[in-house]
Amino acid sequence: MNYTVRLMQQSDVDAAAASLAKAFMNDPLQNYTFPDEQERKERSPAHFKAGVEYGMKF
């Protein structure tokens, strides 16, 4: 498999946040932060989006 590494663009933020939310859906900290599974599914992407956008500054 070949992968291309590139700088993240603003248009990638939502997809990256959704991927992180899915990857960490059963993480103990996420479960503590959002104990209700439905709430976790709804709110986690926005939670991770803030981190992704902050990380793009560097």
N, C-alpha and C. Protein backbone atom coordinates (compact mmCIF):
# COMPACT_ATOMS: atom_id res chain seq x y z
N MET A 1 0.83 -1.18 0.00
CA MET A 1 0.00 0.00 0.00
C MET A 1 0.87 1.24 0.00
N ASN A 2 0.52 2.20 -0.79
CA ASN A 2 1.23 3.48 -0.84
C ASN A 2 0.39 4.56 -0.19
N TYR A 3 1.03 5.38 0.58
CA TYR A 3 0.36 6.51 1.23
C TYR A 3 1.07 7.79 0.87
N THR A 4 0.30 8.85 0.73
CA THR A 4 0.87 10.16 0.49
C THR A 4 0.64 11.01 1.73
N VAL A 5 1.69 11.59 2.22
CA VAL A 5 1.59 12.47 3.39
C VAL A 5 1.57 13.91 2.89
N ARG A 6 0.61 14.68 3.39
CA ARG A 6 0.50 16.08 2.99
C ARG A 6 0.02 16.88 4.18
N LEU A 7 0.18 18.18 4.09
CA LEU A 7 -0.32 19.06 5.15
C LEU A 7 -1.84 19.06 5.15
N MET A 8 -2.40 19.05 6.32
CA MET A 8 -3.84 19.09 6.45
C MET A 8 -4.35 20.47 6.03
N GLN A 9 -5.45 20.48 5.34
CA GLN A 9 -6.11 21.71 4.92
C GLN A 9 -7.36 21.92 5.77
N GLN A 10 -7.87 23.12 5.79
CA GLN A 10 -9.09 23.41 6.55
C GLN A 10 -10.23 22.50 6.10
N SER A 11 -10.26 22.15 4.84
CA SER A 11 -11.32 21.28 4.32
C SER A 11 -11.22 19.85 4.86
N ASP A 12 -10.11 19.50 5.49
CA ASP A 12 -9.91 18.16 6.06
C ASP A 12 -10.34 18.06 7.52
N VAL A 13 -10.62 19.18 8.14
CA VAL A 13 -10.85 19.21 9.59
C VAL A 13 -12.03 18.35 10.01
N ASP A 14 -13.16 18.47 9.36
CA ASP A 14 -14.34 17.70 9.77
C ASP A 14 -14.10 16.20 9.64
N ALA A 15 -13.47 15.77 8.56
CA ALA A 15 -13.19 14.34 8.37
C ALA A 15 -12.21 13.84 9.42
N ALA A 16 -11.20 14.64 9.74
CA ALA A 16 -10.23 14.25 10.76
C ALA A 16 -10.90 14.14 12.13
N ALA A 17 -11.75 15.10 12.45
CA ALA A 17 -12.45 15.08 13.74
C ALA A 17 -13.39 13.87 13.83
N ALA A 18 -14.07 13.57 12.74
CA ALA A 18 -14.96 12.40 12.72
C ALA A 18 -14.17 11.11 12.89
N SER A 19 -13.01 11.03 12.25
CA SER A 19 -12.16 9.83 12.39
C SER A 19 -11.67 9.66 13.82
N LEU A 20 -11.24 10.76 14.43
CA LEU A 20 -10.80 10.69 15.83
C LEU A 20 -11.95 10.31 16.76
N ALA A 21 -13.12 10.88 16.52
CA ALA A 21 -14.28 10.56 17.36
C ALA A 21 -14.60 9.07 17.27
N LYS A 22 -14.56 8.54 16.07
CA LYS A 22 -14.84 7.11 15.89
C LYS A 22 -13.75 6.25 16.54
N ALA A 23 -12.50 6.64 16.37
CA ALA A 23 -11.39 5.86 16.92
C ALA A 23 -11.40 5.83 18.45
N PHE A 24 -11.85 6.90 19.06
CA PHE A 24 -11.82 7.00 20.52
C PHE A 24 -13.20 6.82 21.16
N MET A 25 -14.15 6.27 20.41
CA MET A 25 -15.52 6.12 20.90
C MET A 25 -15.58 5.34 22.22
N ASN A 26 -14.74 4.35 22.38
CA ASN A 26 -14.77 3.54 23.61
C ASN A 26 -13.59 3.80 24.53
N ASP A 27 -12.93 4.92 24.34
CA ASP A 27 -11.82 5.30 25.19
C ASP A 27 -12.34 5.65 26.59
N PRO A 28 -11.65 5.23 27.64
CA PRO A 28 -12.14 5.52 28.99
C PRO A 28 -12.37 7.01 29.27
N LEU A 29 -11.51 7.88 28.77
CA LEU A 29 -11.71 9.31 29.01
C LEU A 29 -12.95 9.82 28.28
N GLN A 30 -13.18 9.36 27.06
CA GLN A 30 -14.39 9.76 26.33
C GLN A 30 -15.63 9.23 27.04
N ASN A 31 -15.54 7.99 27.55
CA ASN A 31 -16.68 7.42 28.29
C ASN A 31 -16.96 8.21 29.56
N TYR A 32 -15.92 8.71 30.20
CA TYR A 32 -16.09 9.52 31.40
C TYR A 32 -16.68 10.89 31.05
N THR A 33 -16.15 11.48 29.98
CA THR A 33 -16.59 12.82 29.57
C THR A 33 -18.04 12.81 29.10
N PHE A 34 -18.38 11.80 28.30
CA PHE A 34 -19.73 11.66 27.75
C PHE A 34 -20.23 10.25 28.07
N PRO A 35 -20.77 10.02 29.28
CA PRO A 35 -21.16 8.66 29.68
C PRO A 35 -22.25 8.05 28.79
N ASP A 36 -23.16 8.88 28.30
CA ASP A 36 -24.24 8.39 27.45
C ASP A 36 -23.70 8.17 26.03
N GLU A 37 -23.87 6.95 25.51
CA GLU A 37 -23.30 6.62 24.20
C GLU A 37 -23.83 7.52 23.08
N GLN A 38 -25.13 7.80 23.08
CA GLN A 38 -25.69 8.65 22.03
C GLN A 38 -25.13 10.07 22.12
N GLU A 39 -25.02 10.58 23.32
CA GLU A 39 -24.43 11.91 23.50
C GLU A 39 -22.97 11.92 23.04
N ARG A 40 -22.24 10.84 23.34
CA ARG A 40 -20.84 10.73 22.92
C ARG A 40 -20.75 10.76 21.40
N LYS A 41 -21.63 10.03 20.72
CA LYS A 41 -21.63 10.01 19.24
C LYS A 41 -21.91 11.40 18.67
N GLU A 42 -22.80 12.13 19.32
CA GLU A 42 -23.19 13.46 18.83
C GLU A 42 -22.15 14.53 19.14
N ARG A 43 -21.53 14.47 20.31
CA ARG A 43 -20.67 15.57 20.75
C ARG A 43 -19.18 15.36 20.52
N SER A 44 -18.75 14.11 20.39
CA SER A 44 -17.32 13.85 20.23
C SER A 44 -16.70 14.51 19.00
N PRO A 45 -17.37 14.51 17.84
CA PRO A 45 -16.73 15.17 16.70
C PRO A 45 -16.39 16.64 16.97
N ALA A 46 -17.28 17.37 17.61
CA ALA A 46 -16.99 18.78 17.92
C ALA A 46 -15.86 18.89 18.94
N HIS A 47 -15.84 17.97 19.88
CA HIS A 47 -14.78 17.93 20.90
C HIS A 47 -13.42 17.76 20.22
N PHE A 48 -13.33 16.83 19.28
CA PHE A 48 -12.06 16.60 18.59
C PHE A 48 -11.77 17.68 17.55
N LYS A 49 -12.80 18.27 16.98
CA LYS A 49 -12.59 19.33 15.99
C LYS A 49 -11.82 20.49 16.60
N ALA A 50 -12.13 20.83 17.84
CA ALA A 50 -11.41 21.91 18.51
C ALA A 50 -9.92 21.60 18.59
N GLY A 51 -9.58 20.37 18.92
CA GLY A 51 -8.18 19.97 19.01
C GLY A 51 -7.49 19.94 17.66
N VAL A 52 -8.19 19.48 16.65
CA VAL A 52 -7.62 19.44 15.30
C VAL A 52 -7.34 20.86 14.81
N GLU A 53 -8.31 21.75 14.98
CA GLU A 53 -8.12 23.14 14.54
C GLU A 53 -6.97 23.81 15.29
N TYR A 54 -6.87 23.54 16.58
CA TYR A 54 -5.77 24.11 17.35
C TYR A 54 -4.43 23.56 16.84
N GLY A 55 -4.38 22.28 16.59
CA GLY A 55 -3.15 21.65 16.10
C GLY A 55 -2.70 22.16 14.75
N MET A 56 -3.62 22.62 13.94
CA MET A 56 -3.25 23.14 12.61
C MET A 56 -2.46 24.44 12.70
N LYS A 57 -2.49 25.09 13.84
CA LYS A 57 -1.76 26.35 13.99
C LYS A 57 -0.26 26.13 14.05
N PHE A 58 0.15 24.89 14.29
CA PHE A 58 1.56 24.60 14.45
C PHE A 58 2.02 23.84 13.26
